[in-house]
Amino acid sequence: MRELPFVRVKFVAALLSISLASVMSMTPASAEPLIPVIYSVKTKDPVIFITIDDGFIMNTQARDLILSEGIPVTLFLKGNIWKQPRHREFFTPLVEAGATVGNHTENHAVLTKVSASRAKTEICTGRDSAEAVSGQAVSLLRPPGGAQNRSTQIIAASCGQSRLVLWDVSVNGEKIATYGGPLKAGDIILMHWRKDLHLSLQKVLAEAKRLGLTPANLSDYLQ
């Protein structure tokens, strides 16, 4: 018996319906949540954001400059730094003065080169260490070296992190490296606690003043 055209059409439609249902079940709507990865902040305000990583080296000149000038900074210190009495005593005045505290993992692990379970331990423990000392709800994660991927974002979200904070300006000593022109509004600036950090701060403050820019608190612009 010859197959009728409308029967074939119904059969094909049924197959398409089954395939579509299978695809829909695999869409991002059912996937684990990702969190934003930011390099800068979109703002019309003439502001920049100073972030300082690590914390092993304690530069007293830099700390005193931040305190005396009231410079808003975000501290991305390793979690284990907060557990060392000397370092905790050194950095606590900055927290008391209003510095935002972020998460830089517990042991500065490169998150894309460790297992998922190790990455989760690093992120969650780093958060806990920072919160225990600062009293802040720590939700900003800076992955060491800026290394991150989809897995990092999913794990960070599971640890209560709201954003991965990278950068579009880096400063070493008195050298400012930007991406796409001079320092501009919304730039997130990467520095490190090093012996020359005070020189980096002085250089950035002078350049910002020349361009009519002012340091601001990063967390205030990420609400």
Protein backbone atom coordinates (compact mmCIF):
# COMPACT_ATOMS: atom_id res chain seq x y z
CA MET A 1 0.00 0.00 0.00
CA ARG A 2 1.35 3.46 -0.89
CA GLU A 3 2.14 5.64 2.17
CA LEU A 4 -0.06 8.69 2.30
CA PRO A 5 1.80 12.07 2.39
CA PHE A 6 0.00 13.39 5.48
CA VAL A 7 1.01 10.28 7.47
CA ARG A 8 4.66 10.92 6.68
CA VAL A 9 4.28 14.57 7.70
CA LYS A 10 2.79 13.59 11.07
CA PHE A 11 5.59 11.10 11.69
CA VAL A 12 8.31 13.67 10.92
CA ALA A 13 6.56 16.26 13.11
CA ALA A 14 6.52 13.80 16.01
CA LEU A 15 10.26 13.16 15.62
CA LEU A 16 10.97 16.87 15.54
CA SER A 17 8.92 17.38 18.69
CA ILE A 18 10.90 14.71 20.54
CA SER A 19 14.23 16.17 19.35
CA LEU A 20 13.21 19.70 20.38
CA ALA A 21 12.28 18.49 23.86
CA SER A 22 15.69 16.82 24.19
CA VAL A 23 17.49 19.98 23.12
CA MET A 24 15.46 22.17 25.50
CA SER A 25 16.43 19.94 28.41
CA MET A 26 20.08 20.70 27.66
CA THR A 27 19.80 24.49 27.31
CA PRO A 28 21.61 26.91 29.67
CA ALA A 29 18.33 27.49 31.52
CA SER A 30 18.89 24.17 33.26
CA ALA A 31 22.66 24.59 33.57
CA GLU A 32 24.45 25.64 36.73
CA PRO A 33 24.66 29.43 37.08
CA LEU A 34 27.62 31.45 35.84
CA ILE A 35 28.75 34.74 37.34
CA PRO A 36 29.96 37.87 35.52
CA VAL A 37 33.64 38.32 34.72
CA ILE A 38 34.52 42.01 34.77
CA TYR A 39 37.61 43.86 33.55
CA SER A 40 36.27 47.38 34.07
CA VAL A 41 33.12 49.15 35.20
CA LYS A 42 30.75 50.99 32.89
CA THR A 43 30.28 54.40 34.45
CA LYS A 44 30.12 58.04 33.42
CA ASP A 45 31.62 59.08 36.76
CA PRO A 46 35.29 60.14 36.52
CA VAL A 47 36.47 57.32 38.78
CA ILE A 48 39.01 54.49 38.77
CA PHE A 49 39.30 51.46 41.02
CA ILE A 50 42.51 50.43 42.78
CA THR A 51 42.85 46.75 43.67
CA ILE A 52 45.86 45.25 45.44
CA ASP A 53 46.71 41.54 45.47
CA ASP A 54 48.55 38.90 47.51
CA GLY A 55 49.79 40.46 50.77
CA PHE A 56 52.92 38.52 51.64
CA ILE A 57 55.08 41.66 51.50
CA MET A 58 53.98 44.33 53.97
CA ASN A 59 54.87 47.76 52.59
CA THR A 60 54.41 50.22 55.44
CA GLN A 61 54.91 53.27 53.20
CA ALA A 62 52.10 52.10 50.92
CA ARG A 63 49.75 51.34 53.79
CA ASP A 64 50.41 54.69 55.44
CA LEU A 65 49.83 56.50 52.13
CA ILE A 66 46.47 54.75 51.68
CA LEU A 67 45.45 55.65 55.22
CA SER A 68 46.68 59.24 55.21
CA GLU A 69 45.14 60.05 51.81
CA GLY A 70 41.96 58.05 52.42
CA ILE A 71 42.42 56.11 49.17
CA PRO A 72 39.59 53.63 48.51
CA VAL A 73 41.13 50.23 47.75
CA THR A 74 40.01 46.64 47.33
CA LEU A 75 42.26 44.05 48.96
CA PHE A 76 42.55 40.69 47.25
CA LEU A 77 44.74 38.94 49.79
CA LYS A 78 45.43 35.23 49.98
CA GLY A 79 43.27 33.61 52.63
CA ASN A 80 46.24 32.19 54.51
CA ILE A 81 47.66 35.71 54.87
CA TRP A 82 44.74 36.65 57.12
CA LYS A 83 45.65 33.75 59.43
CA GLN A 84 49.15 35.04 60.16
CA PRO A 85 49.12 37.35 63.20
CA ARG A 86 51.71 39.83 61.90
CA HIS A 87 49.97 40.19 58.55
CA ARG A 88 46.53 40.40 60.15
CA GLU A 89 47.75 43.18 62.42
CA PHE A 90 49.28 44.99 59.44
CA PHE A 91 46.21 44.89 57.19
CA THR A 92 43.45 45.34 59.77
CA PRO A 93 43.81 49.17 59.89
CA LEU A 94 43.03 49.28 56.16
CA VAL A 95 39.86 47.25 56.71
CA GLU A 96 38.87 49.47 59.61
CA ALA A 97 39.41 52.50 57.37
CA GLY A 98 36.92 51.18 54.83
CA ALA A 99 38.87 48.98 52.41
CA THR A 100 36.77 46.39 50.61
CA VAL A 101 38.00 42.83 51.13
CA GLY A 102 37.89 40.36 48.25
CA ASN A 103 38.79 36.70 47.80
CA HIS A 104 42.11 35.63 46.21
CA THR A 105 41.76 31.93 47.14
CA GLU A 106 43.32 30.37 50.22
CA ASN A 107 46.75 29.47 48.79
CA HIS A 108 46.95 31.39 45.49
CA ALA A 109 46.10 28.30 43.46
CA VAL A 110 45.81 28.64 39.68
CA LEU A 111 42.20 27.56 39.46
CA THR A 112 42.32 26.28 35.89
CA LYS A 113 45.15 23.88 36.74
CA VAL A 114 43.66 22.11 39.77
CA SER A 115 40.79 19.69 40.17
CA ALA A 116 37.25 20.95 40.64
CA SER A 117 37.24 19.79 44.27
CA ARG A 118 40.55 21.57 44.97
CA ALA A 119 39.28 24.72 43.25
CA LYS A 120 36.15 24.71 45.41
CA THR A 121 38.21 24.28 48.58
CA GLU A 122 40.51 27.14 47.55
CA ILE A 123 37.65 29.52 46.78
CA CYS A 124 35.33 28.66 49.66
CA THR A 125 38.12 28.54 52.26
CA GLY A 126 39.65 31.78 50.94
CA ARG A 127 36.25 33.44 51.34
CA ASP A 128 35.84 32.11 54.88
CA SER A 129 39.32 33.29 55.92
CA ALA A 130 38.69 36.80 54.59
CA GLU A 131 35.24 37.04 56.17
CA ALA A 132 36.44 35.81 59.56
CA VAL A 133 38.88 38.70 59.92
CA SER A 134 37.19 41.49 57.99
CA GLY A 135 33.62 40.97 59.16
CA GLN A 136 32.54 41.68 55.59
CA ALA A 137 30.46 39.48 53.30
CA VAL A 138 33.15 38.61 50.77
CA SER A 139 31.67 38.06 47.31
CA LEU A 140 34.29 39.34 44.86
CA LEU A 141 36.81 36.78 43.62
CA ARG A 142 40.05 37.56 41.85
CA PRO A 143 41.40 34.30 40.42
CA PRO A 144 45.20 34.19 40.78
CA GLY A 145 46.88 35.18 37.54
CA GLY A 146 43.46 35.99 36.13
CA ALA A 147 43.10 32.31 35.17
CA GLN A 148 39.44 31.34 34.91
CA ASN A 149 36.98 29.43 32.76
CA ARG A 150 33.38 28.24 32.82
CA SER A 151 34.15 25.71 35.56
CA THR A 152 35.74 28.45 37.69
CA GLN A 153 32.63 30.58 37.35
CA ILE A 154 30.30 27.75 38.34
CA ILE A 155 32.40 26.79 41.36
CA ALA A 156 32.77 30.43 42.42
CA ALA A 157 28.99 30.87 42.27
CA SER A 158 28.55 27.80 44.48
CA CYS A 159 30.86 29.48 47.03
CA GLY A 160 28.68 32.58 47.12
CA GLN A 161 30.87 34.73 44.89
CA SER A 162 29.01 37.29 42.79
CA ARG A 163 31.73 38.33 40.32
CA LEU A 164 35.17 37.43 39.03
CA VAL A 165 37.14 40.68 39.11
CA LEU A 166 39.95 40.94 36.57
CA TRP A 167 41.52 44.20 35.34
CA ASP A 168 42.29 46.34 32.33
CA VAL A 169 45.22 48.27 33.83
CA SER A 170 48.26 46.88 35.64
CA VAL A 171 50.97 48.77 37.48
CA ASN A 172 54.48 47.59 38.35
CA GLY A 173 56.67 50.13 40.07
CA GLU A 174 56.16 53.37 38.16
CA LYS A 175 55.12 51.66 34.92
CA ILE A 176 51.43 51.79 34.03
CA ALA A 177 50.24 49.29 31.41
CA THR A 178 46.80 49.99 29.94
CA TYR A 179 44.71 48.25 27.31
CA GLY A 180 43.41 50.63 24.67
CA GLY A 181 44.71 54.09 25.46
CA PRO A 182 45.33 56.19 28.57
CA LEU A 183 43.81 55.72 32.00
CA LYS A 184 40.05 56.26 31.80
CA ALA A 185 36.87 56.22 33.86
CA GLY A 186 35.85 52.76 35.03
CA ASP A 187 39.32 51.19 34.84
CA ILE A 188 40.06 48.44 37.34
CA ILE A 189 43.73 48.73 38.26
CA LEU A 190 45.84 45.77 39.36
CA MET A 191 48.68 46.28 41.84
CA HIS A 192 50.47 43.95 44.24
CA TRP A 193 51.82 44.25 47.76
CA ARG A 194 55.47 44.66 46.80
CA LYS A 195 58.39 46.73 47.97
CA ASP A 196 57.62 49.35 45.31
CA LEU A 197 53.85 49.54 45.90
CA HIS A 198 54.07 53.06 47.31
CA LEU A 199 55.71 54.18 44.05
CA SER A 200 52.92 52.54 42.07
CA LEU A 201 50.29 54.32 44.14
CA GLN A 202 52.00 57.69 43.77
CA LYS A 203 52.29 57.22 40.00
CA VAL A 204 48.63 56.25 39.58
CA LEU A 205 47.38 59.06 41.82
CA ALA A 206 49.41 61.63 39.89
CA GLU A 207 48.22 60.32 36.52
CA ALA A 208 44.62 60.14 37.70
CA LYS A 209 44.76 63.73 38.95
CA ARG A 210 46.22 64.86 35.62
CA LEU A 211 43.29 63.24 33.80
CA GLY A 212 40.62 64.44 36.22
CA LEU A 213 39.99 60.98 37.69
CA THR A 214 39.51 59.97 41.31
CA PRO A 215 39.84 56.57 43.04
CA ALA A 216 36.51 55.13 44.18
CA ASN A 217 35.31 52.10 46.08
CA LEU A 218 34.75 49.25 43.62
CA SER A 219 31.99 47.60 45.64
CA ASP A 220 29.92 50.80 45.51
CA TYR A 221 29.73 50.46 41.72
CA LEU A 222 28.86 46.77 41.66
CA GLN A 223 25.51 46.90 43.47
